[in-house]
Structures are given as structure tokens and as C-alpha cells.
């Protein structure tokens, strides 16, 4: 993983994008030694979106379970003959 001071990003943008897009590197941007952001590939961004979607789905299902609104699959199969 590469680290770049945020202040030097304008001068290093082409090189940083090359590392991220072609090499799959992740680049941490630092401001006065503090990590403030990260440049990641679109592939990594898509994976992050999938993980967030799964997390949201899990939270929604848990909420339905707690409210007693979730019907077990076996019950649905019995009711509709599947």
C-alpha cells in the first residue's frame, strides 16, 4: 500500500492513477500524517458496494425477525405446495 501526502497529490495524480488502475494498488492520502482518504480501483469499489449491500440486507432481515414479520421458507412451501 502506498502513502502520499494529500498536498502532493496534484503532482503525483498520473502516477497514482496508474498504480491504482493497472496494478491494483491502494493509495492512502495523508494530511499532516493523518490518514484522510484512499484511492482504490473500481474493482475494489464494486466489492465494497457489494459488502455494504449485504450488510444492509442482513440488518433489514434482522429487523423483520425482531418484528415477527419474517415467514420461514418451510412455512411458505407448506402453504403453497412447493
PDB file of N, CA and C in Angstrom:
ATOM      1  N   UNK A   1       0.840  -1.164   0.000  1.00  0.00           N
ATOM      2  CA  UNK A   1       0.000   0.000   0.000  1.00  0.00           C
ATOM      3  C   UNK A   1       0.889   1.232   0.000  1.00  0.00           C
ATOM      4  N   UNK A   2       0.535   2.156  -0.856  1.00  0.00           N
ATOM      5  CA  UNK A   2       1.314   3.378  -0.998  1.00  0.00           C
ATOM      6  C   UNK A   2       0.678   4.497  -0.179  1.00  0.00           C
ATOM      7  N   UNK A   3       1.506   5.381   0.339  1.00  0.00           N
ATOM      8  CA  UNK A   3       1.031   6.558   1.084  1.00  0.00           C
ATOM      9  C   UNK A   3       1.536   7.809   0.386  1.00  0.00           C
ATOM     10  N   UNK A   4       0.640   8.761   0.238  1.00  0.00           N
ATOM     11  CA  UNK A   4       1.001  10.019  -0.420  1.00  0.00           C
ATOM     12  C   UNK A   4       0.440  11.173   0.418  1.00  0.00           C
ATOM     13  N   UNK A   5       1.254  12.178   0.693  1.00  0.00           N
ATOM     14  CA  UNK A   5       0.696  13.369   1.343  1.00  0.00           C
ATOM     15  C   UNK A   5      -0.343  13.997   0.412  1.00  0.00           C
ATOM     16  N   UNK A   6      -1.495  14.332   0.938  1.00  0.00           N
ATOM     17  CA  UNK A   6      -2.573  14.892   0.116  1.00  0.00           C
ATOM     18  C   UNK A   6      -2.114  16.137  -0.636  1.00  0.00           C
ATOM     19  N   UNK A   7      -1.224  16.895  -0.053  1.00  0.00           N
ATOM     20  CA  UNK A   7      -0.742  18.119  -0.687  1.00  0.00           C
ATOM     21  C   UNK A   7       0.023  17.833  -1.976  1.00  0.00           C
ATOM     22  N   UNK A   8       0.648  16.664  -2.081  1.00  0.00           N
ATOM     23  CA  UNK A   8       1.434  16.351  -3.273  1.00  0.00           C
ATOM     24  C   UNK A   8       0.639  15.566  -4.317  1.00  0.00           C
ATOM     25  N   UNK A   9      -0.639  15.318  -4.049  1.00  0.00           N
ATOM     26  CA  UNK A   9      -1.450  14.538  -4.985  1.00  0.00           C
ATOM     27  C   UNK A   9      -1.540  15.169  -6.370  1.00  0.00           C
ATOM     28  N   UNK A  10      -1.707  16.480  -6.492  1.00  0.00           N
ATOM     29  CA  UNK A  10      -1.787  17.036  -7.852  1.00  0.00           C
ATOM     30  C   UNK A  10      -0.581  16.673  -8.721  1.00  0.00           C
ATOM     31  N   UNK A  11       0.613  16.722  -8.166  1.00  0.00           N
ATOM     32  CA  UNK A  11       1.811  16.394  -8.935  1.00  0.00           C
ATOM     33  C   UNK A  11       1.939  14.895  -9.195  1.00  0.00           C
ATOM     34  N   UNK A  12       1.356  14.079  -8.328  1.00  0.00           N
ATOM     35  CA  UNK A  12       1.514  12.636  -8.417  1.00  0.00           C
ATOM     36  C   UNK A  12       0.268  11.922  -8.944  1.00  0.00           C
ATOM     37  N   UNK A  13      -0.736  12.688  -9.399  1.00  0.00           N
ATOM     38  CA  UNK A  13      -2.017  12.088  -9.790  1.00  0.00           C
ATOM     39  C   UNK A  13      -1.857  11.036 -10.895  1.00  0.00           C
ATOM     40  N   UNK A  14      -1.136  11.332 -11.950  1.00  0.00           N
ATOM     41  CA  UNK A  14      -0.983  10.378 -13.054  1.00  0.00           C
ATOM     42  C   UNK A  14      -0.350   9.076 -12.565  1.00  0.00           C
ATOM     43  N   UNK A  15       0.691   9.189 -11.788  1.00  0.00           N
ATOM     44  CA  UNK A  15       1.368   8.007 -11.252  1.00  0.00           C
ATOM     45  C   UNK A  15       0.456   7.243 -10.302  1.00  0.00           C
ATOM     46  N   UNK A  16      -0.284   7.972  -9.476  1.00  0.00           N
ATOM     47  CA  UNK A  16      -1.187   7.335  -8.519  1.00  0.00           C
ATOM     48  C   UNK A  16      -2.288   6.572  -9.247  1.00  0.00           C
ATOM     49  N   UNK A  17      -2.862   7.182 -10.263  1.00  0.00           N
ATOM     50  CA  UNK A  17      -3.923   6.506 -11.022  1.00  0.00           C
ATOM     51  C   UNK A  17      -3.397   5.265 -11.732  1.00  0.00           C
ATOM     52  N   UNK A  18      -2.193   5.337 -12.226  1.00  0.00           N
ATOM     53  CA  UNK A  18      -1.571   4.176 -12.879  1.00  0.00           C
ATOM     54  C   UNK A  18      -1.442   3.021 -11.883  1.00  0.00           C
ATOM     55  N   UNK A  19      -0.952   3.326 -10.683  1.00  0.00           N
ATOM     56  CA  UNK A  19      -0.781   2.286  -9.657  1.00  0.00           C
ATOM     57  C   UNK A  19      -2.119   1.671  -9.261  1.00  0.00           C
ATOM     58  N   UNK A  20      -3.131   2.506  -9.145  1.00  0.00           N
ATOM     59  CA  UNK A  20      -4.443   2.017  -8.728  1.00  0.00           C
ATOM     60  C   UNK A  20      -5.114   1.219  -9.843  1.00  0.00           C
ATOM     61  N   UNK A  21      -5.181   1.789 -11.039  1.00  0.00           N
ATOM     62  CA  UNK A  21      -5.922   1.173 -12.139  1.00  0.00           C
ATOM     63  C   UNK A  21      -5.236  -0.060 -12.708  1.00  0.00           C
ATOM     64  N   UNK A  22      -3.949   0.004 -12.906  1.00  0.00           N
ATOM     65  CA  UNK A  22      -3.248  -1.093 -13.573  1.00  0.00           C
ATOM     66  C   UNK A  22      -2.655  -2.127 -12.620  1.00  0.00           C
ATOM     67  N   UNK A  23      -2.213  -1.661 -11.467  1.00  0.00           N
ATOM     68  CA  UNK A  23      -1.540  -2.560 -10.536  1.00  0.00           C
ATOM     69  C   UNK A  23      -2.427  -2.992  -9.369  1.00  0.00           C
ATOM     70  N   UNK A  24      -3.589  -2.367  -9.229  1.00  0.00           N
ATOM     71  CA  UNK A  24      -4.488  -2.715  -8.131  1.00  0.00           C
ATOM     72  C   UNK A  24      -4.023  -2.216  -6.774  1.00  0.00           C
ATOM     73  N   UNK A  25      -3.071  -1.298  -6.775  1.00  0.00           N
ATOM     74  CA  UNK A  25      -2.563  -0.744  -5.516  1.00  0.00           C
ATOM     75  C   UNK A  25      -3.648   0.115  -4.868  1.00  0.00           C
ATOM     76  N   UNK A  26      -3.591   0.245  -3.581  1.00  0.00           N
ATOM     77  CA  UNK A  26      -4.463   1.155  -2.841  1.00  0.00           C
ATOM     78  C   UNK A  26      -3.567   2.255  -2.296  1.00  0.00           C
ATOM     79  N   UNK A  27      -3.997   3.478  -2.457  1.00  0.00           N
ATOM     80  CA  UNK A  27      -3.157   4.605  -2.061  1.00  0.00           C
ATOM     81  C   UNK A  27      -3.845   5.395  -0.956  1.00  0.00           C
ATOM     82  N   UNK A  28      -3.168   5.493   0.161  1.00  0.00           N
ATOM     83  CA  UNK A  28      -3.681   6.259   1.301  1.00  0.00           C
ATOM     84  C   UNK A  28      -3.196   7.692   1.177  1.00  0.00           C
ATOM     85  N   UNK A  29      -4.137   8.619   1.286  1.00  0.00           N
ATOM     86  CA  UNK A  29      -3.792  10.037   1.286  1.00  0.00           C
ATOM     87  C   UNK A  29      -3.714  10.513   2.729  1.00  0.00           C
ATOM     88  N   UNK A  30      -2.622  11.190   3.041  1.00  0.00           N
ATOM     89  CA  UNK A  30      -2.409  11.656   4.404  1.00  0.00           C
ATOM     90  C   UNK A  30      -2.368  13.182   4.443  1.00  0.00           C
ATOM     91  N   UNK A  31      -2.912  13.715   5.509  1.00  0.00           N
ATOM     92  CA  UNK A  31      -2.855  15.156   5.744  1.00  0.00           C
ATOM     93  C   UNK A  31      -2.171  15.361   7.087  1.00  0.00           C
ATOM     94  N   UNK A  32      -0.955  15.869   7.043  1.00  0.00           N
ATOM     95  CA  UNK A  32      -0.144  16.065   8.261  1.00  0.00           C
ATOM     96  C   UNK A  32      -0.014  14.764   9.045  1.00  0.00           C
ATOM     97  N   UNK A  33       0.245  13.665   8.307  1.00  0.00           N
ATOM     98  CA  UNK A  33       0.468  12.365   8.929  1.00  0.00           C
ATOM     99  C   UNK A  33      -0.798  11.613   9.309  1.00  0.00           C
ATOM    100  N   UNK A  34      -1.949  12.209   9.091  1.00  0.00           N
ATOM    101  CA  UNK A  34      -3.228  11.573   9.441  1.00  0.00           C
ATOM    102  C   UNK A  34      -3.882  11.027   8.175  1.00  0.00           C
ATOM    103  N   UNK A  35      -4.308   9.772   8.197  1.00  0.00           N
ATOM    104  CA  UNK A  35      -4.974   9.160   7.045  1.00  0.00           C
ATOM    105  C   UNK A  35      -6.342   9.814   6.858  1.00  0.00           C
ATOM    106  N   UNK A  36      -6.584  10.344   5.645  1.00  0.00           N
ATOM    107  CA  UNK A  36      -7.842  11.048   5.409  1.00  0.00           C
ATOM    108  C   UNK A  36      -8.682  10.458   4.281  1.00  0.00           C
ATOM    109  N   UNK A  37      -8.075   9.734   3.357  1.00  0.00           N
ATOM    110  CA  UNK A  37      -8.817   9.162   2.236  1.00  0.00           C
ATOM    111  C   UNK A  37      -7.978   8.070   1.599  1.00  0.00           C
ATOM    112  N   UNK A  38      -8.626   7.346   0.663  1.00  0.00           N
ATOM    113  CA  UNK A  38      -7.905   6.296  -0.038  1.00  0.00           C
ATOM    114  C   UNK A  38      -8.359   6.253  -1.487  1.00  0.00           C
ATOM    115  N   UNK A  39      -7.408   6.098  -2.386  1.00  0.00           N
ATOM    116  CA  UNK A  39      -7.710   5.865  -3.794  1.00  0.00           C
ATOM    117  C   UNK A  39      -7.718   4.356  -4.004  1.00  0.00           C
ATOM    118  N   UNK A  40      -8.834   3.857  -4.570  1.00  0.00           N
ATOM    119  CA  UNK A  40      -8.953   2.425  -4.820  1.00  0.00           C
ATOM    120  C   UNK A  40      -9.441   2.211  -6.252  1.00  0.00           C
ATOM    121  N   UNK A  41      -9.238   1.014  -6.743  1.00  0.00           N
ATOM    122  CA  UNK A  41      -9.687   0.682  -8.093  1.00  0.00           C
ATOM    123  C   UNK A  41     -11.210   0.561  -8.134  1.00  0.00           C
ATOM    124  N   UNK A  42     -11.767   0.622  -9.335  1.00  0.00           N
ATOM    125  CA  UNK A  42     -13.198   0.438  -9.494  1.00  0.00           C
ATOM    126  C   UNK A  42     -13.604  -0.978  -9.083  1.00  0.00           C
ATOM    127  N   UNK A  43     -12.717  -1.936  -9.275  1.00  0.00           N
ATOM    128  CA  UNK A  43     -12.992  -3.309  -8.851  1.00  0.00           C
ATOM    129  C   UNK A  43     -13.136  -3.360  -7.330  1.00  0.00           C
ATOM    130  N   UNK A  44     -12.241  -2.689  -6.617  1.00  0.00           N
ATOM    131  CA  UNK A  44     -12.344  -2.640  -5.158  1.00  0.00           C
ATOM    132  C   UNK A  44     -13.604  -1.893  -4.734  1.00  0.00           C
ATOM    133  N   UNK A  45     -13.951  -0.829  -5.453  1.00  0.00           N
ATOM    134  CA  UNK A  45     -15.150  -0.058  -5.126  1.00  0.00           C
ATOM    135  C   UNK A  45     -16.401  -0.912  -5.309  1.00  0.00           C
ATOM    136  N   UNK A  46     -16.453  -1.708  -6.373  1.00  0.00           N
ATOM    137  CA  UNK A  46     -17.603  -2.589  -6.612  1.00  0.00           C
ATOM    138  C   UNK A  46     -17.723  -3.619  -5.498  1.00  0.00           C
ATOM    139  N   UNK A  47     -16.592  -4.176  -5.069  1.00  0.00           N
ATOM    140  CA  UNK A  47     -16.597  -5.133  -3.969  1.00  0.00           C
ATOM    141  C   UNK A  47     -17.100  -4.480  -2.684  1.00  0.00           C
ATOM    142  N   UNK A  48     -16.655  -3.273  -2.423  1.00  0.00           N
ATOM    143  CA  UNK A  48     -17.108  -2.539  -1.242  1.00  0.00           C
ATOM    144  C   UNK A  48     -18.619  -2.319  -1.297  1.00  0.00           C
ATOM    145  N   UNK A  49     -19.144  -1.971  -2.463  1.00  0.00           N
ATOM    146  CA  UNK A  49     -20.590  -1.784  -2.626  1.00  0.00           C
ATOM    147  C   UNK A  49     -21.333  -3.087  -2.324  1.00  0.00           C
ATOM    148  N   UNK A  50     -20.821  -4.207  -2.807  1.00  0.00           N
ATOM    149  CA  UNK A  50     -21.452  -5.500  -2.544  1.00  0.00           C
ATOM    150  C   UNK A  50     -21.476  -5.812  -1.050  1.00  0.00           C
ATOM    151  N   UNK A  51     -20.371  -5.562  -0.389  1.00  0.00           N
ATOM    152  CA  UNK A  51     -20.289  -5.810   1.053  1.00  0.00           C
ATOM    153  C   UNK A  51     -21.297  -4.927   1.794  1.00  0.00           C
ATOM    154  N   UNK A  52     -21.387  -3.649   1.401  1.00  0.00           N
ATOM    155  CA  UNK A  52     -22.345  -2.742   2.038  1.00  0.00           C
ATOM    156  C   UNK A  52     -23.780  -3.209   1.794  1.00  0.00           C
ATOM    157  N   UNK A  53     -24.081  -3.665   0.574  1.00  0.00           N
ATOM    158  CA  UNK A  53     -25.423  -4.162   0.268  1.00  0.00           C
ATOM    159  C   UNK A  53     -25.762  -5.375   1.117  1.00  0.00           C
ATOM    160  N   UNK A  54     -24.812  -6.301   1.271  1.00  0.00           N
ATOM    161  CA  UNK A  54     -25.041  -7.479   2.105  1.00  0.00           C
ATOM    162  C   UNK A  54     -25.262  -7.098   3.566  1.00  0.00           C
ATOM    163  N   UNK A  55     -24.497  -6.135   4.031  1.00  0.00           N
ATOM    164  CA  UNK A  55     -24.656  -5.658   5.407  1.00  0.00           C
ATOM    165  C   UNK A  55     -26.051  -5.057   5.598  1.00  0.00           C
ATOM    166  N   UNK A  56     -26.496  -4.240   4.631  1.00  0.00           N
ATOM    167  CA  UNK A  56     -27.827  -3.636   4.710  1.00  0.00           C
ATOM    168  C   UNK A  56     -28.916  -4.699   4.682  1.00  0.00           C
ATOM    169  N   UNK A  57     -28.769  -5.701   3.820  1.00  0.00           N
ATOM    170  CA  UNK A  57     -29.745  -6.781   3.729  1.00  0.00           C
ATOM    171  C   UNK A  57     -29.819  -7.551   5.041  1.00  0.00           C
ATOM    172  N   UNK A  58     -28.671  -7.858   5.599  1.00  0.00           N
ATOM    173  CA  UNK A  58     -28.640  -8.582   6.870  1.00  0.00           C
ATOM    174  C   UNK A  58     -29.344  -7.776   7.970  1.00  0.00           C
ATOM    175  N   UNK A  59     -29.094  -6.471   8.015  1.00  0.00           N
ATOM    176  CA  UNK A  59     -29.738  -5.619   9.023  1.00  0.00           C
ATOM    177  C   UNK A  59     -31.257  -5.576   8.807  1.00  0.00           C
ATOM    178  N   UNK A  60     -31.697  -5.511   7.553  1.00  0.00           N
ATOM    179  CA  UNK A  60     -33.131  -5.486   7.257  1.00  0.00           C
ATOM    180  C   UNK A  60     -33.788  -6.799   7.666  1.00  0.00           C
ATOM    181  N   UNK A  61     -33.156  -7.912   7.350  1.00  0.00           N
ATOM    182  CA  UNK A  61     -33.706  -9.213   7.735  1.00  0.00           C
ATOM    183  C   UNK A  61     -33.776  -9.357   9.245  1.00  0.00           C
ATOM    184  N   UNK A  62     -32.765  -8.895   9.928  1.00  0.00           N
ATOM    185  CA  UNK A  62     -32.764  -8.960  11.387  1.00  0.00           C
ATOM    186  C   UNK A  62     -33.903  -8.115  11.954  1.00  0.00           C
ATOM    187  N   UNK A  63     -34.140  -6.951  11.368  1.00  0.00           N
ATOM    188  CA  UNK A  63     -35.247  -6.100  11.801  1.00  0.00           C
ATOM    189  C   UNK A  63     -36.586  -6.784  11.605  1.00  0.00           C
ATOM    190  N   UNK A  64     -36.760  -7.463  10.477  1.00  0.00           N
ATOM    191  CA  UNK A  64     -38.010  -8.195  10.232  1.00  0.00           C
ATOM    192  C   UNK A  64     -38.181  -9.333  11.224  1.00  0.00           C
ATOM    193  N   UNK A  65     -37.100 -10.029  11.531  1.00  0.00           N
ATOM    194  CA  UNK A  65     -37.170 -11.122  12.511  1.00  0.00           C
ATOM    195  C   UNK A  65     -37.624 -10.603  13.871  1.00  0.00           C
ATOM    196  N   UNK A  66     -37.043  -9.469  14.264  1.00  0.00           N
ATOM    197  CA  UNK A  66     -37.372  -8.894  15.568  1.00  0.00           C
ATOM    198  C   UNK A  66     -38.832  -8.458  15.636  1.00  0.00           C
ATOM    199  N   UNK A  67     -39.392  -8.037  14.505  1.00  0.00           N
ATOM    200  CA  UNK A  67     -40.787  -7.602  14.474  1.00  0.00           C
ATOM    201  C   UNK A  67     -41.740  -8.768  14.236  1.00  0.00           C
ATOM    202  N   UNK A  68     -41.187  -9.963  14.019  1.00  0.00           N
ATOM    203  CA  UNK A  68     -42.003 -11.134  13.808  1.00  0.00           C
ATOM    204  C   UNK A  68     -42.678 -11.176  12.449  1.00  0.00           C
ATOM    205  N   UNK A  69     -42.170 -10.446  11.476  1.00  0.00           N
ATOM    206  CA  UNK A  69     -42.777 -10.386  10.155  1.00  0.00           C
ATOM    207  C   UNK A  69     -42.115 -11.322   9.151  1.00  0.00           C
ATOM    208  N   UNK A  70     -41.111 -12.033   9.560  1.00  0.00           N
ATOM    209  CA  UNK A  70     -40.400 -12.925   8.653  1.00  0.00           C
ATOM    210  C   UNK A  70     -41.039 -14.310   8.707  1.00  0.00           C
ATOM    211  N   UNK A  71     -41.421 -14.832   7.540  1.00  0.00           N
ATOM    212  CA  UNK A  71     -42.054 -16.147   7.459  1.00  0.00           C
ATOM    213  C   UNK A  71     -41.005 -17.153   7.014  1.00  0.00           C
ATOM    214  N   UNK A  72     -40.809 -18.224   7.783  1.00  0.00           N
ATOM    215  CA  UNK A  72     -39.810 -19.228   7.399  1.00  0.00           C
ATOM    216  C   UNK A  72     -40.139 -19.861   6.045  1.00  0.00           C
ATOM    217  N   UNK A  73     -39.132 -20.205   5.288  1.00  0.00           N
ATOM    218  CA  UNK A  73     -39.293 -20.792   3.964  1.00  0.00           C
ATOM    219  C   UNK A  73     -40.131 -22.073   4.018  1.00  0.00           C
ATOM    220  N   UNK A  74     -39.930 -22.901   5.013  1.00  0.00           N
ATOM    221  CA  UNK A  74     -40.682 -24.152   5.136  1.00  0.00           C
ATOM    222  C   UNK A  74     -42.175 -23.887   5.248  1.00  0.00           C
ATOM    223  N   UNK A  75     -42.550 -22.831   5.950  1.00  0.00           N
ATOM    224  CA  UNK A  75     -43.963 -22.471   6.097  1.00  0.00           C
ATOM    225  C   UNK A  75     -44.570 -22.060   4.753  1.00  0.00           C
ATOM    226  N   UNK A  76     -43.810 -21.326   3.981  1.00  0.00           N
ATOM    227  CA  UNK A  76     -44.269 -20.900   2.661  1.00  0.00           C
ATOM    228  C   UNK A  76     -44.424 -22.111   1.745  1.00  0.00           C
ATOM    229  N   UNK A  77     -43.485 -23.038   1.789  1.00  0.00           N
ATOM    230  CA  UNK A  77     -43.567 -24.246   0.974  1.00  0.00           C
ATOM    231  C   UNK A  77     -44.804 -25.057   1.305  1.00  0.00           C
ATOM    232  N   UNK A  78     -45.099 -25.212   2.606  1.00  0.00           N
ATOM    233  CA  UNK A  78     -46.296 -25.959   3.015  1.00  0.00           C
ATOM    234  C   UNK A  78     -47.555 -25.270   2.516  1.00  0.00           C
ATOM    235  N   UNK A  79     -47.602 -23.966   2.665  1.00  0.00           N
ATOM    236  CA  UNK A  79     -48.802 -23.214   2.301  1.00  0.00           C
ATOM    237  C   UNK A  79     -49.073 -23.260   0.799  1.00  0.00           C
ATOM    238  N   UNK A  80     -48.006 -23.181  -0.018  1.00  0.00           N
ATOM    239  CA  UNK A  80     -48.183 -23.095  -1.460  1.00  0.00           C
ATOM    240  C   UNK A  80     -47.780 -24.375  -2.198  1.00  0.00           C
ATOM    241  N   UNK A  81     -47.484 -25.416  -1.451  1.00  0.00           N
ATOM    242  CA  UNK A  81     -47.202 -26.707  -2.055  1.00  0.00           C
ATOM    243  C   UNK A  81     -45.925 -26.774  -2.872  1.00  0.00           C
ATOM    244  N   UNK A  82     -44.934 -26.050  -2.488  1.00  0.00           N
ATOM    245  CA  UNK A  82     -43.673 -26.060  -3.242  1.00  0.00           C
ATOM    246  C   UNK A  82     -42.750 -27.131  -2.739  1.00  0.00           C
TER     247      UNK A  82
END
